Amino acid sequence: MTPELTILTLAALLQVLQFALVSVRANLELGPAKTTSPRDRDRLGGSLEDLASRGTARLFRAMNNHFEGLILFSIAVFVITFSDQGNAFTAGCAAAYLLARILYVPAYFFGWRPWRSLIWMVGFGATVLMLIAALF
């Protein structure tokens, strides 16, 4: 397996870990009656994120942000892998993405400003650089 695909797999496992963390916290805070319901906002009085504590709501947002970033990162990895253009630069970009996504979770949870945004930009920038590298 290429380094980029290995890192993509680790990024997917990070997403699983984030999902588990949010799920456990939401169930402990809100109870299974709410978390296993159809989640109709009018019946619950808002979304689960709205009803959760500040920390759990931040974990919801960090998880959803990773879902969004993982889409572009996956495209970058697939393009690099299928075009057989992987090299030390693209592997380094992939590693930077994963490290940024790992750091993003506590940065969001603890409200690190402006570091959360800077960490996000590192991951996004690494993904963009991989896409650009695939063109050359």
Protein backbone atom coordinates (compact mmCIF):
# COMPACT_ATOMS: atom_id res chain seq x y z
CA MET A 1 0.00 0.00 0.00
CA THR A 2 1.28 3.48 -0.81
CA PRO A 3 2.02 5.91 2.04
CA GLU A 4 -0.87 8.09 0.84
CA LEU A 5 -3.33 5.19 1.00
CA THR A 6 -2.05 4.17 4.44
CA ILE A 7 -2.58 7.70 5.70
CA LEU A 8 -6.04 7.81 4.10
CA THR A 9 -6.89 4.64 6.02
CA LEU A 10 -5.63 6.21 9.25
CA ALA A 11 -7.66 9.36 8.52
CA ALA A 12 -10.77 7.20 8.07
CA LEU A 13 -10.05 5.50 11.41
CA LEU A 14 -9.69 8.95 12.97
CA GLN A 15 -13.18 9.71 11.63
CA VAL A 16 -14.46 6.52 13.28
CA LEU A 17 -12.84 7.57 16.55
CA GLN A 18 -14.39 11.04 16.32
CA PHE A 19 -17.81 9.49 15.63
CA ALA A 20 -17.46 7.20 18.66
CA LEU A 21 -16.38 10.09 20.89
CA VAL A 22 -19.33 12.24 19.84
CA SER A 23 -21.76 9.33 20.15
CA VAL A 24 -20.67 8.39 23.66
CA ARG A 25 -20.73 11.97 24.92
CA ALA A 26 -24.09 12.74 23.29
CA ASN A 27 -25.66 9.58 24.72
CA LEU A 28 -24.33 10.33 28.21
CA GLU A 29 -25.53 13.94 28.08
CA LEU A 30 -28.82 13.63 26.22
CA GLY A 31 -29.83 10.03 26.78
CA PRO A 32 -30.72 7.35 24.27
CA ALA A 33 -34.35 8.51 24.07
CA LYS A 34 -33.11 11.56 22.18
CA THR A 35 -30.10 10.11 20.36
CA THR A 36 -32.00 7.10 18.98
CA SER A 37 -35.08 9.10 18.04
CA PRO A 38 -35.85 10.32 14.49
CA ARG A 39 -34.27 13.61 15.67
CA ASP A 40 -37.14 15.80 14.55
CA ARG A 41 -36.08 19.28 15.60
CA ASP A 42 -39.60 20.36 16.51
CA ARG A 43 -39.99 17.41 18.90
CA LEU A 44 -36.53 17.67 20.44
CA GLY A 45 -36.42 21.45 20.68
CA GLY A 46 -33.45 21.69 18.31
CA SER A 47 -30.76 19.48 16.83
CA LEU A 48 -28.68 17.17 18.99
CA GLU A 49 -25.82 19.62 18.58
CA ASP A 50 -28.07 22.45 19.86
CA LEU A 51 -29.02 20.41 22.93
CA ALA A 52 -25.53 19.18 23.77
CA SER A 53 -22.99 20.86 26.01
CA ARG A 54 -20.55 23.32 24.46
CA GLY A 55 -17.76 20.71 24.35
CA THR A 56 -19.91 18.00 22.79
CA ALA A 57 -21.32 20.48 20.25
CA ARG A 58 -17.75 21.40 19.30
CA LEU A 59 -16.93 17.71 18.85
CA PHE A 60 -19.98 17.40 16.55
CA ARG A 61 -18.67 20.30 14.46
CA ALA A 62 -15.10 18.95 14.38
CA MET A 63 -16.41 15.56 13.24
CA ASN A 64 -18.57 17.11 10.51
CA ASN A 65 -15.67 19.29 9.40
CA HIS A 66 -13.52 16.18 9.02
CA PHE A 67 -16.22 14.52 6.90
CA GLU A 68 -15.98 17.53 4.57
CA GLY A 69 -12.18 17.57 4.49
CA LEU A 70 -11.94 13.82 4.06
CA ILE A 71 -13.81 14.03 0.76
CA LEU A 72 -11.21 16.30 -0.86
CA PHE A 73 -8.32 14.45 0.76
CA SER A 74 -9.66 11.14 -0.56
CA ILE A 75 -9.87 12.58 -4.06
CA ALA A 76 -6.27 13.81 -3.78
CA VAL A 77 -5.06 10.40 -2.60
CA PHE A 78 -6.96 8.55 -5.32
CA VAL A 79 -5.67 10.83 -8.07
CA ILE A 80 -2.07 10.55 -6.83
CA THR A 81 -2.35 6.77 -6.40
CA PHE A 82 -4.15 5.92 -9.64
CA SER A 83 -1.86 8.15 -11.69
CA ASP A 84 1.17 6.58 -9.97
CA GLN A 85 2.54 10.00 -8.98
CA GLY A 86 3.23 9.33 -5.32
CA ASN A 87 6.54 10.63 -4.04
CA ALA A 88 8.09 12.01 -0.87
CA PHE A 89 6.31 15.34 -1.37
CA THR A 90 2.81 13.82 -1.70
CA ALA A 91 3.49 11.45 1.21
CA GLY A 92 4.58 14.45 3.29
CA CYS A 93 1.43 16.33 2.33
CA ALA A 94 -0.68 13.34 3.34
CA ALA A 95 1.13 13.12 6.68
CA ALA A 96 0.61 16.86 7.24
CA TYR A 97 -3.11 16.41 6.54
CA LEU A 98 -3.42 13.61 9.08
CA LEU A 99 -1.43 15.43 11.74
CA ALA A 100 -3.52 18.56 11.22
CA ARG A 101 -6.76 16.57 11.52
CA ILE A 102 -5.56 14.93 14.73
CA LEU A 103 -4.62 18.31 16.22
CA TYR A 104 -7.86 19.87 14.99
CA VAL A 105 -10.00 17.83 17.40
CA PRO A 106 -8.51 19.20 20.65
CA ALA A 107 -8.08 22.62 19.02
CA TYR A 108 -11.81 22.77 18.34
CA PHE A 109 -12.82 21.18 21.66
CA PHE A 110 -10.75 23.61 23.73
CA GLY A 111 -11.47 26.62 21.51
CA TRP A 112 -7.87 27.39 20.60
CA ARG A 113 -7.95 30.67 18.70
CA PRO A 114 -6.54 31.34 16.15
CA TRP A 115 -4.76 27.98 16.22
CA ARG A 116 -7.81 25.95 15.25
CA SER A 117 -8.14 27.87 11.99
CA LEU A 118 -4.40 27.69 11.30
CA ILE A 119 -4.40 23.93 11.92
CA TRP A 120 -7.34 23.59 9.54
CA MET A 121 -5.47 25.60 6.90
CA VAL A 122 -2.47 23.24 7.14
CA GLY A 123 -4.68 20.23 6.41
CA PHE A 124 -6.55 21.99 3.63
CA GLY A 125 -3.36 23.37 2.13
CA ALA A 126 -1.72 19.94 2.15
CA THR A 127 -4.72 18.54 0.28
CA VAL A 128 -4.62 21.33 -2.30
CA LEU A 129 -0.89 20.83 -2.81
CA MET A 130 -1.47 17.14 -3.47
CA LEU A 131 -4.09 17.98 -6.08
CA ILE A 132 -1.79 20.48 -7.76
CA ALA A 133 1.11 18.00 -7.66
CA ALA A 134 -1.08 15.50 -9.53
CA LEU A 135 -1.31 17.94 -12.45
CA PHE A 136 2.47 18.11 -12.95
